[in-house]
């Protein structure tokens, strides 16, 4: 997995952990909100353990325009 893909996956798992809400008819079993959030947290923590550089904030570079 490339560094870019690891960063994308890490952001995705943290987003799921914080924001996932199951639809009412899917909020049971493996698709329950609590299950998905727990799984996302475990996956993000595992990625972070293998790649500690993911914790550092990712800064986007902006090109300087002519004034």
C-alpha atoms as a PDB file:
ATOM      1  CA  UNK A   1       0.000   0.000   0.000  1.00  0.00           C
ATOM      2  CA  UNK A   2       1.437   3.358  -0.965  1.00  0.00           C
ATOM      3  CA  UNK A   3       1.784   6.193   1.514  1.00  0.00           C
ATOM      4  CA  UNK A   4      -1.026   8.103  -0.175  1.00  0.00           C
ATOM      5  CA  UNK A   5      -3.382   5.103   0.049  1.00  0.00           C
ATOM      6  CA  UNK A   6      -2.502   4.557   3.720  1.00  0.00           C
ATOM      7  CA  UNK A   7      -3.338   8.204   4.462  1.00  0.00           C
ATOM      8  CA  UNK A   8      -6.640   7.932   2.603  1.00  0.00           C
ATOM      9  CA  UNK A   9      -7.573   4.702   4.402  1.00  0.00           C
ATOM     10  CA  UNK A  10      -6.649   6.175   7.796  1.00  0.00           C
ATOM     11  CA  UNK A  11      -8.776   9.282   7.181  1.00  0.00           C
ATOM     12  CA  UNK A  12     -11.656   7.104   5.969  1.00  0.00           C
ATOM     13  CA  UNK A  13     -11.602   4.898   9.083  1.00  0.00           C
ATOM     14  CA  UNK A  14     -11.427   7.903  11.433  1.00  0.00           C
ATOM     15  CA  UNK A  15     -14.329   9.500   9.550  1.00  0.00           C
ATOM     16  CA  UNK A  16     -16.400   6.318   9.888  1.00  0.00           C
ATOM     17  CA  UNK A  17     -15.555   6.120  13.574  1.00  0.00           C
ATOM     18  CA  UNK A  18     -16.848   9.631  14.162  1.00  0.00           C
ATOM     19  CA  UNK A  19     -19.706  10.005  11.686  1.00  0.00           C
ATOM     20  CA  UNK A  20     -21.231   6.656  10.661  1.00  0.00           C
ATOM     21  CA  UNK A  21     -24.979   6.362  11.224  1.00  0.00           C
ATOM     22  CA  UNK A  22     -26.782   3.258  10.015  1.00  0.00           C
ATOM     23  CA  UNK A  23     -30.170   3.558   8.389  1.00  0.00           C
ATOM     24  CA  UNK A  24     -32.966   2.429  10.712  1.00  0.00           C
ATOM     25  CA  UNK A  25     -33.583  -0.836   8.861  1.00  0.00           C
ATOM     26  CA  UNK A  26     -29.825  -1.649   8.895  1.00  0.00           C
ATOM     27  CA  UNK A  27     -29.150  -0.777  12.520  1.00  0.00           C
ATOM     28  CA  UNK A  28     -28.740  -4.359  13.760  1.00  0.00           C
ATOM     29  CA  UNK A  29     -26.193  -7.129  13.503  1.00  0.00           C
ATOM     30  CA  UNK A  30     -23.015  -6.481  11.531  1.00  0.00           C
ATOM     31  CA  UNK A  31     -24.308  -3.217  10.074  1.00  0.00           C
ATOM     32  CA  UNK A  32     -25.246  -1.644  13.406  1.00  0.00           C
ATOM     33  CA  UNK A  33     -23.794   1.789  14.082  1.00  0.00           C
ATOM     34  CA  UNK A  34     -21.850   0.634  17.150  1.00  0.00           C
ATOM     35  CA  UNK A  35     -20.323  -2.360  15.335  1.00  0.00           C
ATOM     36  CA  UNK A  36     -19.180  -0.323  12.334  1.00  0.00           C
ATOM     37  CA  UNK A  37     -17.699   2.388  14.569  1.00  0.00           C
ATOM     38  CA  UNK A  38     -15.817  -0.180  16.689  1.00  0.00           C
ATOM     39  CA  UNK A  39     -14.460  -1.912  13.596  1.00  0.00           C
ATOM     40  CA  UNK A  40     -13.385   1.397  12.050  1.00  0.00           C
ATOM     41  CA  UNK A  41     -11.575   2.345  15.279  1.00  0.00           C
ATOM     42  CA  UNK A  42      -9.755  -1.007  15.389  1.00  0.00           C
ATOM     43  CA  UNK A  43      -8.726  -0.677  11.744  1.00  0.00           C
ATOM     44  CA  UNK A  44      -7.505   2.915  12.174  1.00  0.00           C
ATOM     45  CA  UNK A  45      -5.564   2.014  15.323  1.00  0.00           C
ATOM     46  CA  UNK A  46      -3.952  -0.942  13.550  1.00  0.00           C
ATOM     47  CA  UNK A  47      -2.929   1.286  10.621  1.00  0.00           C
ATOM     48  CA  UNK A  48      -1.517   3.841  13.045  1.00  0.00           C
ATOM     49  CA  UNK A  49       0.444   1.180  14.921  1.00  0.00           C
ATOM     50  CA  UNK A  50       2.044  -0.071  11.691  1.00  0.00           C
ATOM     51  CA  UNK A  51       2.561   3.461  10.304  1.00  0.00           C
ATOM     52  CA  UNK A  52       3.148   5.998  13.101  1.00  0.00           C
ATOM     53  CA  UNK A  53       3.746   8.811  10.596  1.00  0.00           C
ATOM     54  CA  UNK A  54      -0.009   8.883   9.884  1.00  0.00           C
ATOM     55  CA  UNK A  55      -0.685  10.616  13.187  1.00  0.00           C
ATOM     56  CA  UNK A  56       1.178  13.763  12.124  1.00  0.00           C
ATOM     57  CA  UNK A  57      -1.219  16.250  10.542  1.00  0.00           C
ATOM     58  CA  UNK A  58      -1.108  16.090   6.790  1.00  0.00           C
ATOM     59  CA  UNK A  59      -0.442  19.521   5.374  1.00  0.00           C
ATOM     60  CA  UNK A  60      -1.573  20.412   1.914  1.00  0.00           C
ATOM     61  CA  UNK A  61       0.783  22.585  -0.061  1.00  0.00           C
ATOM     62  CA  UNK A  62      -0.600  25.622  -1.797  1.00  0.00           C
ATOM     63  CA  UNK A  63       1.074  27.153  -4.786  1.00  0.00           C
ATOM     64  CA  UNK A  64       1.890  30.821  -4.471  1.00  0.00           C
ATOM     65  CA  UNK A  65       0.275  32.948  -7.134  1.00  0.00           C
ATOM     66  CA  UNK A  66       1.736  36.054  -8.699  1.00  0.00           C
ATOM     67  CA  UNK A  67       0.835  39.278  -6.934  1.00  0.00           C
END
